[in-house]
């Protein structure tokens, strides 16, 4: 064991931390593909379950929703029923849901447009 052997570790540090060794390490890394997503787990049933758990109630609802154009009040009613049936937490009112849906609209998951009677949502 080299634990406590300060002379040995001083020698290692002196040899390793030089311009030449830094260059050798950088050349080695440049020859390797290190651009893959390190956080991505291999595809499997467990990973699918984790992805489902990560989805918000709103994302799960929109995924299950048929995407037919409907106004905010109807969408909220459908959303609330879906969340209750699936034992998911849900927004307490239309305004709170609208704020969360704005993120999904921004990300292109769903669409919205303003009509005479108010805002409508669709896929």
PDB file of N, CA and C in Angstrom:
ATOM      1  N   UNK A   1       0.841  -1.197   0.000  1.00  0.00           N
ATOM      2  CA  UNK A   1       0.000   0.000   0.000  1.00  0.00           C
ATOM      3  C   UNK A   1       0.875   1.246   0.000  1.00  0.00           C
ATOM      4  N   UNK A   2       0.340   2.231  -0.682  1.00  0.00           N
ATOM      5  CA  UNK A   2       1.061   3.499  -0.791  1.00  0.00           C
ATOM      6  C   UNK A   2       0.408   4.586   0.061  1.00  0.00           C
ATOM      7  N   UNK A   3      -0.572   4.193   0.867  1.00  0.00           N
ATOM      8  CA  UNK A   3      -1.226   5.163   1.745  1.00  0.00           C
ATOM      9  C   UNK A   3      -0.200   5.710   2.747  1.00  0.00           C
ATOM     10  N   UNK A   4      -0.113   7.023   2.799  1.00  0.00           N
ATOM     11  CA  UNK A   4       0.820   7.660   3.731  1.00  0.00           C
ATOM     12  C   UNK A   4       2.235   7.808   3.180  1.00  0.00           C
ATOM     13  N   UNK A   5       2.502   7.252   1.996  1.00  0.00           N
ATOM     14  CA  UNK A   5       3.836   7.337   1.392  1.00  0.00           C
ATOM     15  C   UNK A   5       3.919   8.644   0.602  1.00  0.00           C
ATOM     16  N   UNK A   6       4.167   9.746   1.281  1.00  0.00           N
ATOM     17  CA  UNK A   6       4.151  11.062   0.656  1.00  0.00           C
ATOM     18  C   UNK A   6       5.228  11.211  -0.415  1.00  0.00           C
ATOM     19  N   UNK A   7       6.348  10.541  -0.263  1.00  0.00           N
ATOM     20  CA  UNK A   7       7.412  10.629  -1.261  1.00  0.00           C
ATOM     21  C   UNK A   7       6.935  10.027  -2.590  1.00  0.00           C
ATOM     22  N   UNK A   8       6.261   8.876  -2.523  1.00  0.00           N
ATOM     23  CA  UNK A   8       5.725   8.234  -3.718  1.00  0.00           C
ATOM     24  C   UNK A   8       4.705   9.145  -4.406  1.00  0.00           C
ATOM     25  N   UNK A   9       3.760   9.685  -3.649  1.00  0.00           N
ATOM     26  CA  UNK A   9       2.701  10.518  -4.229  1.00  0.00           C
ATOM     27  C   UNK A   9       3.256  11.837  -4.766  1.00  0.00           C
ATOM     28  N   UNK A  10       4.281  12.356  -4.153  1.00  0.00           N
ATOM     29  CA  UNK A  10       4.930  13.562  -4.665  1.00  0.00           C
ATOM     30  C   UNK A  10       5.560  13.278  -6.038  1.00  0.00           C
ATOM     31  N   UNK A  11       6.187  12.095  -6.149  1.00  0.00           N
ATOM     32  CA  UNK A  11       6.799  11.704  -7.412  1.00  0.00           C
ATOM     33  C   UNK A  11       5.717  11.505  -8.492  1.00  0.00           C
ATOM     34  N   UNK A  12       4.597  10.876  -8.159  1.00  0.00           N
ATOM     35  CA  UNK A  12       3.493  10.663  -9.106  1.00  0.00           C
ATOM     36  C   UNK A  12       2.957  12.016  -9.580  1.00  0.00           C
ATOM     37  N   UNK A  13       2.746  12.912  -8.639  1.00  0.00           N
ATOM     38  CA  UNK A  13       2.228  14.236  -8.992  1.00  0.00           C
ATOM     39  C   UNK A  13       3.199  14.974  -9.916  1.00  0.00           C
ATOM     40  N   UNK A  14       4.472  14.862  -9.628  1.00  0.00           N
ATOM     41  CA  UNK A  14       5.485  15.541 -10.430  1.00  0.00           C
ATOM     42  C   UNK A  14       5.493  14.996 -11.859  1.00  0.00           C
ATOM     43  N   UNK A  15       5.294  13.688 -12.027  1.00  0.00           N
ATOM     44  CA  UNK A  15       5.305  13.061 -13.345  1.00  0.00           C
ATOM     45  C   UNK A  15       3.996  13.273 -14.107  1.00  0.00           C
ATOM     46  N   UNK A  16       2.869  13.268 -13.401  1.00  0.00           N
ATOM     47  CA  UNK A  16       1.551  13.314 -14.042  1.00  0.00           C
ATOM     48  C   UNK A  16       1.110  14.730 -14.423  1.00  0.00           C
ATOM     49  N   UNK A  17       1.405  15.693 -13.610  1.00  0.00           N
ATOM     50  CA  UNK A  17       0.902  17.044 -13.838  1.00  0.00           C
ATOM     51  C   UNK A  17       1.921  17.890 -14.587  1.00  0.00           C
ATOM     52  N   UNK A  18       2.113  17.506 -15.848  1.00  0.00           N
ATOM     53  CA  UNK A  18       3.028  18.236 -16.726  1.00  0.00           C
ATOM     54  C   UNK A  18       2.280  18.578 -18.013  1.00  0.00           C
ATOM     55  N   UNK A  19       2.847  19.464 -18.808  1.00  0.00           N
ATOM     56  CA  UNK A  19       2.240  19.817 -20.093  1.00  0.00           C
ATOM     57  C   UNK A  19       2.150  18.602 -21.009  1.00  0.00           C
ATOM     58  N   UNK A  20       3.184  17.772 -20.985  1.00  0.00           N
ATOM     59  CA  UNK A  20       3.215  16.589 -21.859  1.00  0.00           C
ATOM     60  C   UNK A  20       2.116  15.600 -21.492  1.00  0.00           C
ATOM     61  N   UNK A  21       1.909  15.355 -20.210  1.00  0.00           N
ATOM     62  CA  UNK A  21       0.858  14.404 -19.812  1.00  0.00           C
ATOM     63  C   UNK A  21      -0.524  14.988 -20.073  1.00  0.00           C
ATOM     64  N   UNK A  22      -0.696  16.284 -19.890  1.00  0.00           N
ATOM     65  CA  UNK A  22      -1.977  16.924 -20.197  1.00  0.00           C
ATOM     66  C   UNK A  22      -2.275  16.799 -21.680  1.00  0.00           C
ATOM     67  N   UNK A  23      -1.262  16.978 -22.515  1.00  0.00           N
ATOM     68  CA  UNK A  23      -1.427  16.835 -23.951  1.00  0.00           C
ATOM     69  C   UNK A  23      -1.802  15.394 -24.310  1.00  0.00           C
ATOM     70  N   UNK A  24      -1.152  14.428 -23.707  1.00  0.00           N
ATOM     71  CA  UNK A  24      -1.433  13.013 -23.984  1.00  0.00           C
ATOM     72  C   UNK A  24      -2.870  12.658 -23.590  1.00  0.00           C
ATOM     73  N   UNK A  25      -3.311  13.133 -22.451  1.00  0.00           N
ATOM     74  CA  UNK A  25      -4.681  12.864 -22.011  1.00  0.00           C
ATOM     75  C   UNK A  25      -5.677  13.539 -22.951  1.00  0.00           C
ATOM     76  N   UNK A  26      -5.417  14.773 -23.355  1.00  0.00           N
ATOM     77  CA  UNK A  26      -6.332  15.470 -24.255  1.00  0.00           C
ATOM     78  C   UNK A  26      -6.399  14.776 -25.605  1.00  0.00           C
ATOM     79  N   UNK A  27      -5.268  14.299 -26.123  1.00  0.00           N
ATOM     80  CA  UNK A  27      -5.262  13.564 -27.389  1.00  0.00           C
ATOM     81  C   UNK A  27      -6.081  12.280 -27.258  1.00  0.00           C
ATOM     82  N   UNK A  28      -5.921  11.586 -26.169  1.00  0.00           N
ATOM     83  CA  UNK A  28      -6.679  10.350 -25.930  1.00  0.00           C
ATOM     84  C   UNK A  28      -8.178  10.637 -25.928  1.00  0.00           C
ATOM     85  N   UNK A  29      -8.600  11.688 -25.230  1.00  0.00           N
ATOM     86  CA  UNK A  29     -10.020  12.028 -25.157  1.00  0.00           C
ATOM     87  C   UNK A  29     -10.566  12.491 -26.505  1.00  0.00           C
ATOM     88  N   UNK A  30      -9.769  13.212 -27.277  1.00  0.00           N
ATOM     89  CA  UNK A  30     -10.218  13.669 -28.587  1.00  0.00           C
ATOM     90  C   UNK A  30     -10.468  12.512 -29.547  1.00  0.00           C
ATOM     91  N   UNK A  31      -9.801  11.393 -29.327  1.00  0.00           N
ATOM     92  CA  UNK A  31      -9.987  10.222 -30.180  1.00  0.00           C
ATOM     93  C   UNK A  31     -11.224   9.414 -29.793  1.00  0.00           C
ATOM     94  N   UNK A  32     -11.845   9.724 -28.695  1.00  0.00           N
ATOM     95  CA  UNK A  32     -13.012   8.987 -28.206  1.00  0.00           C
ATOM     96  C   UNK A  32     -14.280   9.778 -28.462  1.00  0.00           C
ATOM     97  N   UNK A  33     -15.381   9.066 -28.659  1.00  0.00           N
ATOM     98  CA  UNK A  33     -16.679   9.703 -28.795  1.00  0.00           C
ATOM     99  C   UNK A  33     -17.254   9.843 -27.381  1.00  0.00           C
ATOM    100  N   UNK A  34     -17.319  11.082 -26.923  1.00  0.00           N
ATOM    101  CA  UNK A  34     -17.820  11.314 -25.561  1.00  0.00           C
ATOM    102  C   UNK A  34     -19.017  12.258 -25.577  1.00  0.00           C
ATOM    103  N   UNK A  35     -19.749  12.228 -26.693  1.00  0.00           N
ATOM    104  CA  UNK A  35     -20.875  13.147 -26.835  1.00  0.00           C
ATOM    105  C   UNK A  35     -22.216  12.502 -26.487  1.00  0.00           C
ATOM    106  N   UNK A  36     -22.243  11.233 -26.153  1.00  0.00           N
ATOM    107  CA  UNK A  36     -23.526  10.591 -25.865  1.00  0.00           C
ATOM    108  C   UNK A  36     -24.119  11.139 -24.568  1.00  0.00           C
ATOM    109  N   UNK A  37     -25.415  10.954 -24.423  1.00  0.00           N
ATOM    110  CA  UNK A  37     -26.128  11.443 -23.241  1.00  0.00           C
ATOM    111  C   UNK A  37     -25.874  10.485 -22.086  1.00  0.00           C
ATOM    112  N   UNK A  38     -25.061  10.909 -21.133  1.00  0.00           N
ATOM    113  CA  UNK A  38     -24.693  10.049 -20.006  1.00  0.00           C
ATOM    114  C   UNK A  38     -25.868   9.786 -19.078  1.00  0.00           C
ATOM    115  N   UNK A  39     -26.883  10.662 -19.109  1.00  0.00           N
ATOM    116  CA  UNK A  39     -28.038  10.495 -18.230  1.00  0.00           C
ATOM    117  C   UNK A  39     -29.083   9.543 -18.791  1.00  0.00           C
ATOM    118  N   UNK A  40     -28.951   9.167 -20.044  1.00  0.00           N
ATOM    119  CA  UNK A  40     -29.948   8.306 -20.667  1.00  0.00           C
ATOM    120  C   UNK A  40     -29.670   6.852 -20.319  1.00  0.00           C
ATOM    121  N   UNK A  41     -30.660   6.219 -19.729  1.00  0.00           N
ATOM    122  CA  UNK A  41     -30.530   4.806 -19.392  1.00  0.00           C
ATOM    123  C   UNK A  41     -30.864   3.960 -20.617  1.00  0.00           C
ATOM    124  N   UNK A  42     -30.397   2.721 -20.654  1.00  0.00           N
ATOM    125  CA  UNK A  42     -30.753   1.845 -21.773  1.00  0.00           C
ATOM    126  C   UNK A  42     -32.276   1.663 -21.837  1.00  0.00           C
ATOM    127  N   UNK A  43     -32.806   1.485 -23.043  1.00  0.00           N
ATOM    128  CA  UNK A  43     -34.248   1.301 -23.214  1.00  0.00           C
ATOM    129  C   UNK A  43     -34.670  -0.014 -22.564  1.00  0.00           C
ATOM    130  N   UNK A  44     -35.636   0.067 -21.688  1.00  0.00           N
ATOM    131  CA  UNK A  44     -36.197  -1.132 -21.070  1.00  0.00           C
ATOM    132  C   UNK A  44     -37.509  -0.768 -20.379  1.00  0.00           C
ATOM    133  N   UNK A  45     -38.195  -1.757 -19.856  1.00  0.00           N
ATOM    134  CA  UNK A  45     -39.496  -1.539 -19.223  1.00  0.00           C
ATOM    135  C   UNK A  45     -39.376  -0.607 -18.015  1.00  0.00           C
ATOM    136  N   UNK A  46     -38.322  -0.772 -17.249  1.00  0.00           N
ATOM    137  CA  UNK A  46     -38.117   0.081 -16.076  1.00  0.00           C
ATOM    138  C   UNK A  46     -37.946   1.535 -16.495  1.00  0.00           C
ATOM    139  N   UNK A  47     -37.153   1.771 -17.548  1.00  0.00           N
ATOM    140  CA  UNK A  47     -36.950   3.138 -18.016  1.00  0.00           C
ATOM    141  C   UNK A  47     -38.257   3.744 -18.498  1.00  0.00           C
ATOM    142  N   UNK A  48     -39.079   2.952 -19.185  1.00  0.00           N
ATOM    143  CA  UNK A  48     -40.382   3.443 -19.634  1.00  0.00           C
ATOM    144  C   UNK A  48     -41.230   3.868 -18.436  1.00  0.00           C
ATOM    145  N   UNK A  49     -41.193   3.080 -17.369  1.00  0.00           N
ATOM    146  CA  UNK A  49     -41.957   3.404 -16.170  1.00  0.00           C
ATOM    147  C   UNK A  49     -41.438   4.712 -15.546  1.00  0.00           C
ATOM    148  N   UNK A  50     -40.127   4.883 -15.502  1.00  0.00           N
ATOM    149  CA  UNK A  50     -39.531   6.109 -14.952  1.00  0.00           C
ATOM    150  C   UNK A  50     -39.958   7.315 -15.782  1.00  0.00           C
ATOM    151  N   UNK A  51     -39.950   7.179 -17.109  1.00  0.00           N
ATOM    152  CA  UNK A  51     -40.370   8.276 -17.976  1.00  0.00           C
ATOM    153  C   UNK A  51     -41.825   8.645 -17.722  1.00  0.00           C
ATOM    154  N   UNK A  52     -42.680   7.646 -17.530  1.00  0.00           N
ATOM    155  CA  UNK A  52     -44.089   7.904 -17.243  1.00  0.00           C
ATOM    156  C   UNK A  52     -44.259   8.634 -15.918  1.00  0.00           C
ATOM    157  N   UNK A  53     -43.480   8.249 -14.919  1.00  0.00           N
ATOM    158  CA  UNK A  53     -43.571   8.894 -13.606  1.00  0.00           C
ATOM    159  C   UNK A  53     -43.114  10.350 -13.694  1.00  0.00           C
ATOM    160  N   UNK A  54     -42.130  10.625 -14.524  1.00  0.00           N
ATOM    161  CA  UNK A  54     -41.613  11.982 -14.669  1.00  0.00           C
ATOM    162  C   UNK A  54     -42.607  12.916 -15.345  1.00  0.00           C
ATOM    163  N   UNK A  55     -43.533  12.365 -16.116  1.00  0.00           N
ATOM    164  CA  UNK A  55     -44.496  13.202 -16.814  1.00  0.00           C
ATOM    165  C   UNK A  55     -45.437  13.861 -15.819  1.00  0.00           C
ATOM    166  N   UNK A  56     -45.740  15.120 -16.064  1.00  0.00           N
ATOM    167  CA  UNK A  56     -46.706  15.820 -15.217  1.00  0.00           C
ATOM    168  C   UNK A  56     -48.102  15.296 -15.506  1.00  0.00           C
ATOM    169  N   UNK A  57     -49.037  15.602 -14.638  1.00  0.00           N
ATOM    170  CA  UNK A  57     -50.433  15.219 -14.847  1.00  0.00           C
ATOM    171  C   UNK A  57     -50.941  15.794 -16.157  1.00  0.00           C
ATOM    172  N   UNK A  58     -50.551  17.031 -16.444  1.00  0.00           N
ATOM    173  CA  UNK A  58     -50.989  17.686 -17.669  1.00  0.00           C
ATOM    174  C   UNK A  58     -50.454  16.960 -18.901  1.00  0.00           C
ATOM    175  N   UNK A  59     -49.177  16.575 -18.867  1.00  0.00           N
ATOM    176  CA  UNK A  59     -48.585  15.854 -20.000  1.00  0.00           C
ATOM    177  C   UNK A  59     -49.270  14.505 -20.208  1.00  0.00           C
ATOM    178  N   UNK A  60     -49.550  13.804 -19.112  1.00  0.00           N
ATOM    179  CA  UNK A  60     -50.225  12.517 -19.221  1.00  0.00           C
ATOM    180  C   UNK A  60     -51.628  12.691 -19.798  1.00  0.00           C
ATOM    181  N   UNK A  61     -52.329  13.724 -19.341  1.00  0.00           N
ATOM    182  CA  UNK A  61     -53.672  13.980 -19.855  1.00  0.00           C
ATOM    183  C   UNK A  61     -53.625  14.294 -21.344  1.00  0.00           C
ATOM    184  N   UNK A  62     -52.742  15.188 -21.756  1.00  0.00           N
ATOM    185  CA  UNK A  62     -52.664  15.587 -23.163  1.00  0.00           C
ATOM    186  C   UNK A  62     -52.313  14.385 -24.039  1.00  0.00           C
ATOM    187  N   UNK A  63     -51.455  13.509 -23.541  1.00  0.00           N
ATOM    188  CA  UNK A  63     -51.096  12.310 -24.287  1.00  0.00           C
ATOM    189  C   UNK A  63     -52.319  11.399 -24.493  1.00  0.00           C
ATOM    190  N   UNK A  64     -53.178  11.312 -23.482  1.00  0.00           N
ATOM    191  CA  UNK A  64     -54.364  10.453 -23.551  1.00  0.00           C
ATOM    192  C   UNK A  64     -55.546  11.129 -24.256  1.00  0.00           C
ATOM    193  N   UNK A  65     -55.555  12.440 -24.290  1.00  0.00           N
ATOM    194  CA  UNK A  65     -56.662  13.229 -24.849  1.00  0.00           C
ATOM    195  C   UNK A  65     -56.724  13.053 -26.358  1.00  0.00           C
ATOM    196  N   UNK A  66     -57.948  13.058 -26.928  1.00  0.00           N
ATOM    197  CA  UNK A  66     -58.117  12.853 -28.372  1.00  0.00           C
ATOM    198  C   UNK A  66     -57.668  14.050 -29.201  1.00  0.00           C
ATOM    199  N   UNK A  67     -57.500  15.211 -28.586  1.00  0.00           N
ATOM    200  CA  UNK A  67     -56.982  16.380 -29.283  1.00  0.00           C
ATOM    201  C   UNK A  67     -58.011  17.187 -30.040  1.00  0.00           C
ATOM    202  N   UNK A  68     -59.290  16.824 -29.923  1.00  0.00           N
ATOM    203  CA  UNK A  68     -60.344  17.595 -30.579  1.00  0.00           C
ATOM    204  C   UNK A  68     -60.406  18.992 -29.983  1.00  0.00           C
ATOM    205  N   UNK A  69     -60.641  19.972 -30.833  1.00  0.00           N
ATOM    206  CA  UNK A  69     -60.706  21.358 -30.381  1.00  0.00           C
ATOM    207  C   UNK A  69     -61.800  21.524 -29.329  1.00  0.00           C
ATOM    208  N   UNK A  70     -61.438  22.122 -28.198  1.00  0.00           N
ATOM    209  CA  UNK A  70     -62.441  22.400 -27.159  1.00  0.00           C
ATOM    210  C   UNK A  70     -62.024  23.620 -26.351  1.00  0.00           C
ATOM    211  N   UNK A  71     -63.022  24.271 -25.776  1.00  0.00           N
ATOM    212  CA  UNK A  71     -62.706  25.488 -25.020  1.00  0.00           C
ATOM    213  C   UNK A  71     -62.107  25.136 -23.666  1.00  0.00           C
ATOM    214  N   UNK A  72     -61.619  26.153 -23.004  1.00  0.00           N
ATOM    215  CA  UNK A  72     -60.876  25.970 -21.763  1.00  0.00           C
ATOM    216  C   UNK A  72     -61.701  25.289 -20.677  1.00  0.00           C
ATOM    217  N   UNK A  73     -62.959  25.678 -20.538  1.00  0.00           N
ATOM    218  CA  UNK A  73     -63.798  25.098 -19.485  1.00  0.00           C
ATOM    219  C   UNK A  73     -64.015  23.608 -19.710  1.00  0.00           C
ATOM    220  N   UNK A  74     -64.276  23.223 -20.951  1.00  0.00           N
ATOM    221  CA  UNK A  74     -64.488  21.801 -21.250  1.00  0.00           C
ATOM    222  C   UNK A  74     -63.187  21.033 -21.056  1.00  0.00           C
ATOM    223  N   UNK A  75     -62.085  21.606 -21.521  1.00  0.00           N
ATOM    224  CA  UNK A  75     -60.786  20.947 -21.355  1.00  0.00           C
ATOM    225  C   UNK A  75     -60.474  20.749 -19.877  1.00  0.00           C
ATOM    226  N   UNK A  76     -60.766  21.763 -19.060  1.00  0.00           N
ATOM    227  CA  UNK A  76     -60.517  21.633 -17.623  1.00  0.00           C
ATOM    228  C   UNK A  76     -61.353  20.505 -17.028  1.00  0.00           C
ATOM    229  N   UNK A  77     -62.614  20.416 -17.433  1.00  0.00           N
ATOM    230  CA  UNK A  77     -63.481  19.355 -16.917  1.00  0.00           C
ATOM    231  C   UNK A  77     -62.927  17.972 -17.310  1.00  0.00           C
ATOM    232  N   UNK A  78     -62.535  17.820 -18.569  1.00  0.00           N
ATOM    233  CA  UNK A  78     -61.958  16.547 -19.029  1.00  0.00           C
ATOM    234  C   UNK A  78     -60.665  16.220 -18.285  1.00  0.00           C
ATOM    235  N   UNK A  79     -59.834  17.237 -18.122  1.00  0.00           N
ATOM    236  CA  UNK A  79     -58.555  17.089 -17.410  1.00  0.00           C
ATOM    237  C   UNK A  79     -58.783  16.656 -15.972  1.00  0.00           C
ATOM    238  N   UNK A  80     -59.697  17.329 -15.285  1.00  0.00           N
ATOM    239  CA  UNK A  80     -59.969  16.995 -13.885  1.00  0.00           C
ATOM    240  C   UNK A  80     -60.508  15.578 -13.746  1.00  0.00           C
ATOM    241  N   UNK A  81     -61.429  15.198 -14.625  1.00  0.00           N
ATOM    242  CA  UNK A  81     -61.970  13.829 -14.589  1.00  0.00           C
ATOM    243  C   UNK A  81     -60.861  12.805 -14.829  1.00  0.00           C
ATOM    244  N   UNK A  82     -59.981  13.090 -15.783  1.00  0.00           N
ATOM    245  CA  UNK A  82     -58.872  12.187 -16.079  1.00  0.00           C
ATOM    246  C   UNK A  82     -57.968  12.032 -14.851  1.00  0.00           C
ATOM    247  N   UNK A  83     -57.638  13.145 -14.225  1.00  0.00           N
ATOM    248  CA  UNK A  83     -56.756  13.104 -13.052  1.00  0.00           C
ATOM    249  C   UNK A  83     -57.401  12.348 -11.889  1.00  0.00           C
ATOM    250  N   UNK A  84     -58.664  12.576 -11.666  1.00  0.00           N
ATOM    251  CA  UNK A  84     -59.361  11.879 -10.582  1.00  0.00           C
ATOM    252  C   UNK A  84     -59.412  10.381 -10.876  1.00  0.00           C
ATOM    253  N   UNK A  85     -59.778  10.016 -12.111  1.00  0.00           N
ATOM    254  CA  UNK A  85     -59.853   8.602 -12.491  1.00  0.00           C
ATOM    255  C   UNK A  85     -58.510   7.901 -12.378  1.00  0.00           C
ATOM    256  N   UNK A  86     -57.425   8.636 -12.633  1.00  0.00           N
ATOM    257  CA  UNK A  86     -56.078   8.050 -12.604  1.00  0.00           C
ATOM    258  C   UNK A  86     -55.306   8.373 -11.334  1.00  0.00           C
ATOM    259  N   UNK A  87     -56.005   8.956 -10.361  1.00  0.00           N
ATOM    260  CA  UNK A  87     -55.410   9.294  -9.062  1.00  0.00           C
ATOM    261  C   UNK A  87     -54.151  10.147  -9.215  1.00  0.00           C
ATOM    262  N   UNK A  88     -54.267  11.180 -10.041  1.00  0.00           N
ATOM    263  CA  UNK A  88     -53.154  12.104 -10.268  1.00  0.00           C
ATOM    264  C   UNK A  88     -53.460  13.447  -9.627  1.00  0.00           C
ATOM    265  N   UNK A  89     -52.448  14.160  -9.177  1.00  0.00           N
ATOM    266  CA  UNK A  89     -52.684  15.523  -8.687  1.00  0.00           C
ATOM    267  C   UNK A  89     -53.118  16.407  -9.849  1.00  0.00           C
ATOM    268  N   UNK A  90     -53.951  17.401  -9.576  1.00  0.00           N
ATOM    269  CA  UNK A  90     -54.407  18.260 -10.663  1.00  0.00           C
ATOM    270  C   UNK A  90     -54.509  19.710 -10.234  1.00  0.00           C
ATOM    271  N   UNK A  91     -54.525  20.580 -11.226  1.00  0.00           N
ATOM    272  CA  UNK A  91     -54.649  22.011 -10.978  1.00  0.00           C
ATOM    273  C   UNK A  91     -56.016  22.295 -10.362  1.00  0.00           C
ATOM    274  N   UNK A  92     -56.069  23.233  -9.419  1.00  0.00           N
ATOM    275  CA  UNK A  92     -57.330  23.489  -8.714  1.00  0.00           C
ATOM    276  C   UNK A  92     -58.367  24.263  -9.523  1.00  0.00           C
ATOM    277  N   UNK A  93     -57.926  24.965 -10.580  1.00  0.00           N
ATOM    278  CA  UNK A  93     -58.879  25.773 -11.354  1.00  0.00           C
ATOM    279  C   UNK A  93     -58.381  25.978 -12.780  1.00  0.00           C
ATOM    280  N   UNK A  94     -59.246  26.582 -13.596  1.00  0.00           N
ATOM    281  CA  UNK A  94     -58.949  26.798 -15.008  1.00  0.00           C
ATOM    282  C   UNK A  94     -57.711  27.671 -15.200  1.00  0.00           C
ATOM    283  N   UNK A  95     -57.560  28.694 -14.390  1.00  0.00           N
ATOM    284  CA  UNK A  95     -56.419  29.617 -14.537  1.00  0.00           C
ATOM    285  C   UNK A  95     -55.099  28.890 -14.293  1.00  0.00           C
ATOM    286  N   UNK A  96     -55.049  28.093 -13.235  1.00  0.00           N
ATOM    287  CA  UNK A  96     -53.825  27.349 -12.928  1.00  0.00           C
ATOM    288  C   UNK A  96     -53.502  26.359 -14.043  1.00  0.00           C
ATOM    289  N   UNK A  97     -54.528  25.697 -14.566  1.00  0.00           N
ATOM    290  CA  UNK A  97     -54.309  24.767 -15.672  1.00  0.00           C
ATOM    291  C   UNK A  97     -53.807  25.524 -16.901  1.00  0.00           C
ATOM    292  N   UNK A  98     -54.397  26.660 -17.190  1.00  0.00           N
ATOM    293  CA  UNK A  98     -53.975  27.455 -18.343  1.00  0.00           C
ATOM    294  C   UNK A  98     -52.508  27.825 -18.284  1.00  0.00           C
ATOM    295  N   UNK A  99     -52.022  28.142 -17.104  1.00  0.00           N
ATOM    296  CA  UNK A  99     -50.597  28.476 -16.943  1.00  0.00           C
ATOM    297  C   UNK A  99     -49.705  27.277 -17.257  1.00  0.00           C
ATOM    298  N   UNK A 100     -50.135  26.099 -16.810  1.00  0.00           N
ATOM    299  CA  UNK A 100     -49.343  24.899 -17.078  1.00  0.00           C
ATOM    300  C   UNK A 100     -49.425  24.510 -18.547  1.00  0.00           C
ATOM    301  N   UNK A 101     -50.595  24.700 -19.147  1.00  0.00           N
ATOM    302  CA  UNK A 101     -50.744  24.364 -20.564  1.00  0.00           C
ATOM    303  C   UNK A 101     -49.932  25.300 -21.453  1.00  0.00           C
ATOM    304  N   UNK A 102     -49.705  26.518 -20.994  1.00  0.00           N
ATOM    305  CA  UNK A 102     -48.904  27.474 -21.769  1.00  0.00           C
ATOM    306  C   UNK A 102     -47.513  26.907 -22.053  1.00  0.00           C
ATOM    307  N   UNK A 103     -46.970  26.172 -21.113  1.00  0.00           N
ATOM    308  CA  UNK A 103     -45.653  25.549 -21.299  1.00  0.00           C
ATOM    309  C   UNK A 103     -45.729  24.474 -22.378  1.00  0.00           C
ATOM    310  N   UNK A 104     -46.819  23.684 -22.363  1.00  0.00           N
ATOM    311  CA  UNK A 104     -46.981  22.636 -23.370  1.00  0.00           C
ATOM    312  C   UNK A 104     -47.206  23.233 -24.753  1.00  0.00           C
ATOM    313  N   UNK A 105     -47.904  24.364 -24.813  1.00  0.00           N
ATOM    314  CA  UNK A 105     -48.106  25.064 -26.085  1.00  0.00           C
ATOM    315  C   UNK A 105     -46.760  25.586 -26.585  1.00  0.00           C
ATOM    316  N   UNK A 106     -45.998  26.200 -25.698  1.00  0.00           N
ATOM    317  CA  UNK A 106     -44.675  26.724 -26.058  1.00  0.00           C
ATOM    318  C   UNK A 106     -43.766  25.624 -26.598  1.00  0.00           C
ATOM    319  N   UNK A 107     -43.877  24.421 -26.007  1.00  0.00           N
ATOM    320  CA  UNK A 107     -43.029  23.301 -26.418  1.00  0.00           C
ATOM    321  C   UNK A 107     -43.581  22.539 -27.621  1.00  0.00           C
ATOM    322  N   UNK A 108     -44.714  23.001 -28.158  1.00  0.00           N
ATOM    323  CA  UNK A 108     -45.275  22.384 -29.363  1.00  0.00           C
ATOM    324  C   UNK A 108     -46.027  21.091 -29.130  1.00  0.00           C
ATOM    325  N   UNK A 109     -46.340  20.778 -27.887  1.00  0.00           N
ATOM    326  CA  UNK A 109     -47.053  19.540 -27.570  1.00  0.00           C
ATOM    327  C   UNK A 109     -48.534  19.665 -27.901  1.00  0.00           C
ATOM    328  N   UNK A 110     -49.051  20.866 -27.758  1.00  0.00           N
ATOM    329  CA  UNK A 110     -50.439  21.142 -28.118  1.00  0.00           C
ATOM    330  C   UNK A 110     -50.519  22.545 -28.690  1.00  0.00           C
ATOM    331  N   UNK A 111     -51.703  22.901 -29.202  1.00  0.00           N
ATOM    332  CA  UNK A 111     -51.879  24.219 -29.820  1.00  0.00           C
ATOM    333  C   UNK A 111     -53.073  24.917 -29.201  1.00  0.00           C
ATOM    334  N   UNK A 112     -53.102  26.228 -29.374  1.00  0.00           N
ATOM    335  CA  UNK A 112     -54.209  27.020 -28.866  1.00  0.00           C
ATOM    336  C   UNK A 112     -54.469  28.176 -29.823  1.00  0.00           C
ATOM    337  N   UNK A 113     -55.683  28.657 -29.797  1.00  0.00           N
ATOM    338  CA  UNK A 113     -56.010  29.877 -30.546  1.00  0.00           C
ATOM    339  C   UNK A 113     -57.164  30.566 -29.841  1.00  0.00           C
ATOM    340  N   UNK A 114     -57.234  31.862 -30.065  1.00  0.00           N
ATOM    341  CA  UNK A 114     -58.267  32.666 -29.433  1.00  0.00           C
ATOM    342  C   UNK A 114     -59.458  32.762 -30.374  1.00  0.00           C
ATOM    343  N   UNK A 115     -60.636  32.544 -29.813  1.00  0.00           N
ATOM    344  CA  UNK A 115     -61.879  32.661 -30.581  1.00  0.00           C
ATOM    345  C   UNK A 115     -62.771  33.671 -29.879  1.00  0.00           C
ATOM    346  N   UNK A 116     -63.919  33.928 -30.475  1.00  0.00           N
ATOM    347  CA  UNK A 116     -64.854  34.901 -29.884  1.00  0.00           C
ATOM    348  C   UNK A 116     -65.240  34.522 -28.459  1.00  0.00           C
ATOM    349  N   UNK A 117     -65.465  33.256 -28.228  1.00  0.00           N
ATOM    350  CA  UNK A 117     -65.916  32.804 -26.908  1.00  0.00           C
ATOM    351  C   UNK A 117     -64.794  32.544 -25.921  1.00  0.00           C
ATOM    352  N   UNK A 118     -63.568  32.779 -26.342  1.00  0.00           N
ATOM    353  CA  UNK A 118     -62.414  32.561 -25.479  1.00  0.00           C
ATOM    354  C   UNK A 118     -61.373  31.724 -26.156  1.00  0.00           C
ATOM    355  N   UNK A 119     -60.521  31.124 -25.382  1.00  0.00           N
ATOM    356  CA  UNK A 119     -59.407  30.331 -25.904  1.00  0.00           C
ATOM    357  C   UNK A 119     -59.843  28.881 -26.111  1.00  0.00           C
ATOM    358  N   UNK A 120     -59.360  28.267 -27.210  1.00  0.00           N
ATOM    359  CA  UNK A 120     -59.599  26.842 -27.450  1.00  0.00           C
ATOM    360  C   UNK A 120     -58.255  26.150 -27.598  1.00  0.00           C
ATOM    361  N   UNK A 121     -58.219  24.880 -27.237  1.00  0.00           N
ATOM    362  CA  UNK A 121     -57.014  24.066 -27.307  1.00  0.00           C
ATOM    363  C   UNK A 121     -57.265  22.884 -28.231  1.00  0.00           C
ATOM    364  N   UNK A 122     -56.194  22.391 -28.864  1.00  0.00           N
ATOM    365  CA  UNK A 122     -56.276  21.224 -29.741  1.00  0.00           C
ATOM    366  C   UNK A 122     -54.870  20.695 -29.950  1.00  0.00           C
ATOM    367  N   UNK A 123     -54.804  19.488 -30.529  1.00  0.00           N
ATOM    368  CA  UNK A 123     -53.480  18.905 -30.830  1.00  0.00           C
ATOM    369  C   UNK A 123     -53.133  19.183 -32.277  1.00  0.00           C
TER     370      UNK A 123
END
